[in-house]
Amino acid sequence: METYTAMRHFADSWGLLAMTCFFLLVVGYALFRPRARQIAQDAAAIPFREDNVHGR
């Protein structure tokens, strides 16, 4: 049971910190990389693009 306790303590402290840092890095990369705003705007406009799939 000693290994479980040690792993649980590590996950509760340093594991949470590591996951938080990873999340912040991913969000920062997605927000601050070049052309991110243009790509996000293009993706947001997909439902509003006119298409002729249904013969309209």
PDB file of N, CA and C in Angstrom:
ATOM      1  N   MET A   1       0.811  -1.194   0.000  1.00  0.00           N
ATOM      2  CA  MET A   1       0.000   0.000   0.000  1.00  0.00           C
ATOM      3  C   MET A   1       0.859   1.264   0.000  1.00  0.00           C
ATOM      4  N   GLU A   2       2.133   1.116   0.282  1.00  0.00           N
ATOM      5  CA  GLU A   2       3.037   2.260   0.327  1.00  0.00           C
ATOM      6  C   GLU A   2       3.207   2.901  -1.054  1.00  0.00           C
ATOM      7  N   THR A   3       3.279   2.075  -2.098  1.00  0.00           N
ATOM      8  CA  THR A   3       3.430   2.602  -3.454  1.00  0.00           C
ATOM      9  C   THR A   3       2.202   3.404  -3.861  1.00  0.00           C
ATOM     10  N   TYR A   4       1.027   2.893  -3.528  1.00  0.00           N
ATOM     11  CA  TYR A   4      -0.207   3.606  -3.846  1.00  0.00           C
ATOM     12  C   TYR A   4      -0.237   4.968  -3.162  1.00  0.00           C
ATOM     13  N   THR A   5       0.141   5.014  -1.925  1.00  0.00           N
ATOM     14  CA  THR A   5       0.133   6.273  -1.184  1.00  0.00           C
ATOM     15  C   THR A   5       1.118   7.270  -1.792  1.00  0.00           C
ATOM     16  N   ALA A   6       2.286   6.811  -2.166  1.00  0.00           N
ATOM     17  CA  ALA A   6       3.280   7.703  -2.768  1.00  0.00           C
ATOM     18  C   ALA A   6       2.806   8.220  -4.123  1.00  0.00           C
ATOM     19  N   MET A   7       2.240   7.339  -4.927  1.00  0.00           N
ATOM     20  CA  MET A   7       1.750   7.763  -6.247  1.00  0.00           C
ATOM     21  C   MET A   7       0.567   8.718  -6.103  1.00  0.00           C
ATOM     22  N   ARG A   8      -0.284   8.478  -5.123  1.00  0.00           N
ATOM     23  CA  ARG A   8      -1.429   9.351  -4.895  1.00  0.00           C
ATOM     24  C   ARG A   8      -0.964  10.737  -4.458  1.00  0.00           C
ATOM     25  N   HIS A   9       0.017  10.793  -3.596  1.00  0.00           N
ATOM     26  CA  HIS A   9       0.559  12.074  -3.149  1.00  0.00           C
ATOM     27  C   HIS A   9       1.184  12.829  -4.320  1.00  0.00           C
ATOM     28  N   PHE A  10       1.930  12.124  -5.163  1.00  0.00           N
ATOM     29  CA  PHE A  10       2.549  12.759  -6.329  1.00  0.00           C
ATOM     30  C   PHE A  10       1.490  13.302  -7.278  1.00  0.00           C
ATOM     31  N   ALA A  11       0.451  12.515  -7.542  1.00  0.00           N
ATOM     32  CA  ALA A  11      -0.599  12.944  -8.466  1.00  0.00           C
ATOM     33  C   ALA A  11      -1.371  14.134  -7.902  1.00  0.00           C
ATOM     34  N   ASP A  12      -1.589  14.149  -6.609  1.00  0.00           N
ATOM     35  CA  ASP A  12      -2.321  15.254  -5.994  1.00  0.00           C
ATOM     36  C   ASP A  12      -1.552  16.563  -6.037  1.00  0.00           C
ATOM     37  N   SER A  13      -0.250  16.507  -5.989  1.00  0.00           N
ATOM     38  CA  SER A  13       0.520  17.743  -5.939  1.00  0.00           C
ATOM     39  C   SER A  13       1.149  18.071  -7.292  1.00  0.00           C
ATOM     40  N   TRP A  14       2.157  17.345  -7.697  1.00  0.00           N
ATOM     41  CA  TRP A  14       2.897  17.665  -8.905  1.00  0.00           C
ATOM     42  C   TRP A  14       2.140  17.296 -10.181  1.00  0.00           C
ATOM     43  N   GLY A  15       1.320  16.278 -10.128  1.00  0.00           N
ATOM     44  CA  GLY A  15       0.531  15.898 -11.306  1.00  0.00           C
ATOM     45  C   GLY A  15      -0.450  16.996 -11.698  1.00  0.00           C
ATOM     46  N   LEU A  16      -1.102  17.564 -10.706  1.00  0.00           N
ATOM     47  CA  LEU A  16      -2.035  18.660 -10.965  1.00  0.00           C
ATOM     48  C   LEU A  16      -1.300  19.872 -11.535  1.00  0.00           C
ATOM     49  N   LEU A  17      -0.152  20.164 -10.986  1.00  0.00           N
ATOM     50  CA  LEU A  17       0.644  21.290 -11.488  1.00  0.00           C
ATOM     51  C   LEU A  17       1.087  21.047 -12.933  1.00  0.00           C
ATOM     52  N   ALA A  18       1.512  19.837 -13.240  1.00  0.00           N
ATOM     53  CA  ALA A  18       1.955  19.517 -14.594  1.00  0.00           C
ATOM     54  C   ALA A  18       0.795  19.610 -15.590  1.00  0.00           C
ATOM     55  N   MET A  19      -0.369  19.104 -15.221  1.00  0.00           N
ATOM     56  CA  MET A  19      -1.524  19.174 -16.123  1.00  0.00           C
ATOM     57  C   MET A  19      -1.982  20.614 -16.331  1.00  0.00           C
ATOM     58  N   THR A  20      -1.921  21.429 -15.291  1.00  0.00           N
ATOM     59  CA  THR A  20      -2.292  22.837 -15.412  1.00  0.00           C
ATOM     60  C   THR A  20      -1.330  23.570 -16.343  1.00  0.00           C
ATOM     61  N   CYS A  21      -0.041  23.328 -16.197  1.00  0.00           N
ATOM     62  CA  CYS A  21       0.953  23.958 -17.075  1.00  0.00           C
ATOM     63  C   CYS A  21       0.759  23.515 -18.524  1.00  0.00           C
ATOM     64  N   PHE A  22       0.504  22.242 -18.732  1.00  0.00           N
ATOM     65  CA  PHE A  22       0.273  21.736 -20.085  1.00  0.00           C
ATOM     66  C   PHE A  22      -0.960  22.389 -20.694  1.00  0.00           C
ATOM     67  N   PHE A  23      -2.045  22.506 -19.938  1.00  0.00           N
ATOM     68  CA  PHE A  23      -3.266  23.150 -20.423  1.00  0.00           C
ATOM     69  C   PHE A  23      -3.001  24.597 -20.809  1.00  0.00           C
ATOM     70  N   LEU A  24      -2.285  25.325 -19.961  1.00  0.00           N
ATOM     71  CA  LEU A  24      -1.991  26.725 -20.256  1.00  0.00           C
ATOM     72  C   LEU A  24      -1.100  26.879 -21.487  1.00  0.00           C
ATOM     73  N   LEU A  25      -0.160  25.971 -21.668  1.00  0.00           N
ATOM     74  CA  LEU A  25       0.685  26.009 -22.859  1.00  0.00           C
ATOM     75  C   LEU A  25      -0.125  25.753 -24.131  1.00  0.00           C
ATOM     76  N   VAL A  26      -1.017  24.795 -24.089  1.00  0.00           N
ATOM     77  CA  VAL A  26      -1.845  24.492 -25.264  1.00  0.00           C
ATOM     78  C   VAL A  26      -2.761  25.661 -25.590  1.00  0.00           C
ATOM     79  N   VAL A  27      -3.403  26.238 -24.588  1.00  0.00           N
ATOM     80  CA  VAL A  27      -4.279  27.388 -24.816  1.00  0.00           C
ATOM     81  C   VAL A  27      -3.465  28.573 -25.331  1.00  0.00           C
ATOM     82  N   GLY A  28      -2.300  28.818 -24.740  1.00  0.00           N
ATOM     83  CA  GLY A  28      -1.449  29.915 -25.206  1.00  0.00           C
ATOM     84  C   GLY A  28      -0.987  29.722 -26.631  1.00  0.00           C
ATOM     85  N   TYR A  29      -0.647  28.496 -26.979  1.00  0.00           N
ATOM     86  CA  TYR A  29      -0.231  28.220 -28.354  1.00  0.00           C
ATOM     87  C   TYR A  29      -1.384  28.458 -29.323  1.00  0.00           C
ATOM     88  N   ALA A  30      -2.571  28.020 -28.958  1.00  0.00           N
ATOM     89  CA  ALA A  30      -3.725  28.192 -29.838  1.00  0.00           C
ATOM     90  C   ALA A  30      -4.113  29.656 -29.994  1.00  0.00           C
ATOM     91  N   LEU A  31      -3.911  30.466 -28.974  1.00  0.00           N
ATOM     92  CA  LEU A  31      -4.319  31.866 -29.034  1.00  0.00           C
ATOM     93  C   LEU A  31      -3.277  32.787 -29.648  1.00  0.00           C
ATOM     94  N   PHE A  32      -2.013  32.502 -29.429  1.00  0.00           N
ATOM     95  CA  PHE A  32      -0.977  33.463 -29.790  1.00  0.00           C
ATOM     96  C   PHE A  32      -0.107  33.059 -30.975  1.00  0.00           C
ATOM     97  N   ARG A  33      -0.429  31.959 -31.635  1.00  0.00           N
ATOM     98  CA  ARG A  33       0.375  31.596 -32.797  1.00  0.00           C
ATOM     99  C   ARG A  33      -0.044  32.447 -33.994  1.00  0.00           C
ATOM    100  N   PRO A  34       0.828  32.614 -34.943  1.00  0.00           N
ATOM    101  CA  PRO A  34       0.492  33.407 -36.122  1.00  0.00           C
ATOM    102  C   PRO A  34      -0.681  32.793 -36.879  1.00  0.00           C
ATOM    103  N   ARG A  35      -1.537  33.626 -37.390  1.00  0.00           N
ATOM    104  CA  ARG A  35      -2.704  33.247 -38.177  1.00  0.00           C
ATOM    105  C   ARG A  35      -3.786  32.528 -37.379  1.00  0.00           C
ATOM    106  N   ALA A  36      -3.684  32.461 -36.069  1.00  0.00           N
ATOM    107  CA  ALA A  36      -4.683  31.752 -35.278  1.00  0.00           C
ATOM    108  C   ALA A  36      -6.048  32.424 -35.377  1.00  0.00           C
ATOM    109  N   ARG A  37      -6.075  33.735 -35.382  1.00  0.00           N
ATOM    110  CA  ARG A  37      -7.346  34.449 -35.451  1.00  0.00           C
ATOM    111  C   ARG A  37      -8.045  34.190 -36.780  1.00  0.00           C
ATOM    112  N   GLN A  38      -7.303  34.221 -37.870  1.00  0.00           N
ATOM    113  CA  GLN A  38      -7.904  33.984 -39.185  1.00  0.00           C
ATOM    114  C   GLN A  38      -8.434  32.561 -39.302  1.00  0.00           C
ATOM    115  N   ILE A  39      -7.706  31.596 -38.818  1.00  0.00           N
ATOM    116  CA  ILE A  39      -8.149  30.204 -38.875  1.00  0.00           C
ATOM    117  C   ILE A  39      -9.405  30.016 -38.035  1.00  0.00           C
ATOM    118  N   ALA A  40      -9.455  30.625 -36.860  1.00  0.00           N
ATOM    119  CA  ALA A  40     -10.624  30.505 -35.989  1.00  0.00           C
ATOM    120  C   ALA A  40     -11.841  31.171 -36.620  1.00  0.00           C
ATOM    121  N   GLN A  41     -11.650  32.306 -37.258  1.00  0.00           N
ATOM    122  CA  GLN A  41     -12.774  32.972 -37.919  1.00  0.00           C
ATOM    123  C   GLN A  41     -13.271  32.155 -39.104  1.00  0.00           C
ATOM    124  N   ASP A  42     -12.369  31.555 -39.860  1.00  0.00           N
ATOM    125  CA  ASP A  42     -12.782  30.694 -40.967  1.00  0.00           C
ATOM    126  C   ASP A  42     -13.566  29.487 -40.466  1.00  0.00           C
ATOM    127  N   ALA A  43     -13.130  28.889 -39.387  1.00  0.00           N
ATOM    128  CA  ALA A  43     -13.826  27.730 -38.829  1.00  0.00           C
ATOM    129  C   ALA A  43     -15.194  28.127 -38.277  1.00  0.00           C
ATOM    130  N   ALA A  44     -15.301  29.296 -37.686  1.00  0.00           N
ATOM    131  CA  ALA A  44     -16.572  29.748 -37.133  1.00  0.00           C
ATOM    132  C   ALA A  44     -17.582  30.065 -38.230  1.00  0.00           C
ATOM    133  N   ALA A  45     -17.122  30.399 -39.430  1.00  0.00           N
ATOM    134  CA  ALA A  45     -18.019  30.760 -40.522  1.00  0.00           C
ATOM    135  C   ALA A  45     -18.482  29.565 -41.338  1.00  0.00           C
ATOM    136  N   ILE A  46     -18.009  28.375 -41.057  1.00  0.00           N
ATOM    137  CA  ILE A  46     -18.375  27.194 -41.846  1.00  0.00           C
ATOM    138  C   ILE A  46     -19.884  26.969 -41.904  1.00  0.00           C
ATOM    139  N   PRO A  47     -20.624  27.050 -40.787  1.00  0.00           N
ATOM    140  CA  PRO A  47     -22.071  26.803 -40.878  1.00  0.00           C
ATOM    141  C   PRO A  47     -22.825  27.830 -41.713  1.00  0.00           C
ATOM    142  N   PHE A  48     -22.258  29.002 -41.916  1.00  0.00           N
ATOM    143  CA  PHE A  48     -22.948  30.064 -42.627  1.00  0.00           C
ATOM    144  C   PHE A  48     -22.573  30.154 -44.101  1.00  0.00           C
ATOM    145  N   ARG A  49     -21.683  29.295 -44.538  1.00  0.00           N
ATOM    146  CA  ARG A  49     -21.296  29.321 -45.945  1.00  0.00           C
ATOM    147  C   ARG A  49     -22.434  28.770 -46.789  1.00  0.00           C
ATOM    148  N   GLU A  50     -22.615  29.385 -47.910  1.00  0.00           N
ATOM    149  CA  GLU A  50     -23.680  28.949 -48.808  1.00  0.00           C
ATOM    150  C   GLU A  50     -23.157  27.781 -49.639  1.00  0.00           C
ATOM    151  N   ASP A  51     -23.954  26.742 -49.655  1.00  0.00           N
ATOM    152  CA  ASP A  51     -23.586  25.605 -50.484  1.00  0.00           C
ATOM    153  C   ASP A  51     -24.792  25.156 -51.294  1.00  0.00           C
ATOM    154  N   ASN A  52     -24.541  24.452 -52.358  1.00  0.00           N
ATOM    155  CA  ASN A  52     -25.598  23.992 -53.253  1.00  0.00           C
ATOM    156  C   ASN A  52     -25.772  22.481 -53.157  1.00  0.00           C
ATOM    157  N   VAL A  53     -25.618  21.948 -51.983  1.00  0.00           N
ATOM    158  CA  VAL A  53     -25.724  20.504 -51.801  1.00  0.00           C
ATOM    159  C   VAL A  53     -27.154  20.047 -51.995  1.00  0.00           C
ATOM    160  N   HIS A  54     -28.124  20.832 -51.544  1.00  0.00           N
ATOM    161  CA  HIS A  54     -29.523  20.435 -51.603  1.00  0.00           C
ATOM    162  C   HIS A  54     -30.249  21.022 -52.801  1.00  0.00           C
ATOM    163  N   GLY A  55     -29.542  21.540 -53.751  1.00  0.00           N
ATOM    164  CA  GLY A  55     -30.127  22.055 -54.982  1.00  0.00           C
ATOM    165  C   GLY A  55     -30.847  23.375 -54.836  1.00  0.00           C
ATOM    166  N   ARG A  56     -30.502  24.145 -53.869  1.00  0.00           N
ATOM    167  CA  ARG A  56     -31.137  25.448 -53.688  1.00  0.00           C
ATOM    168  C   ARG A  56     -30.482  26.508 -54.508  1.00  0.00           C
TER     169      ARG A  56
END
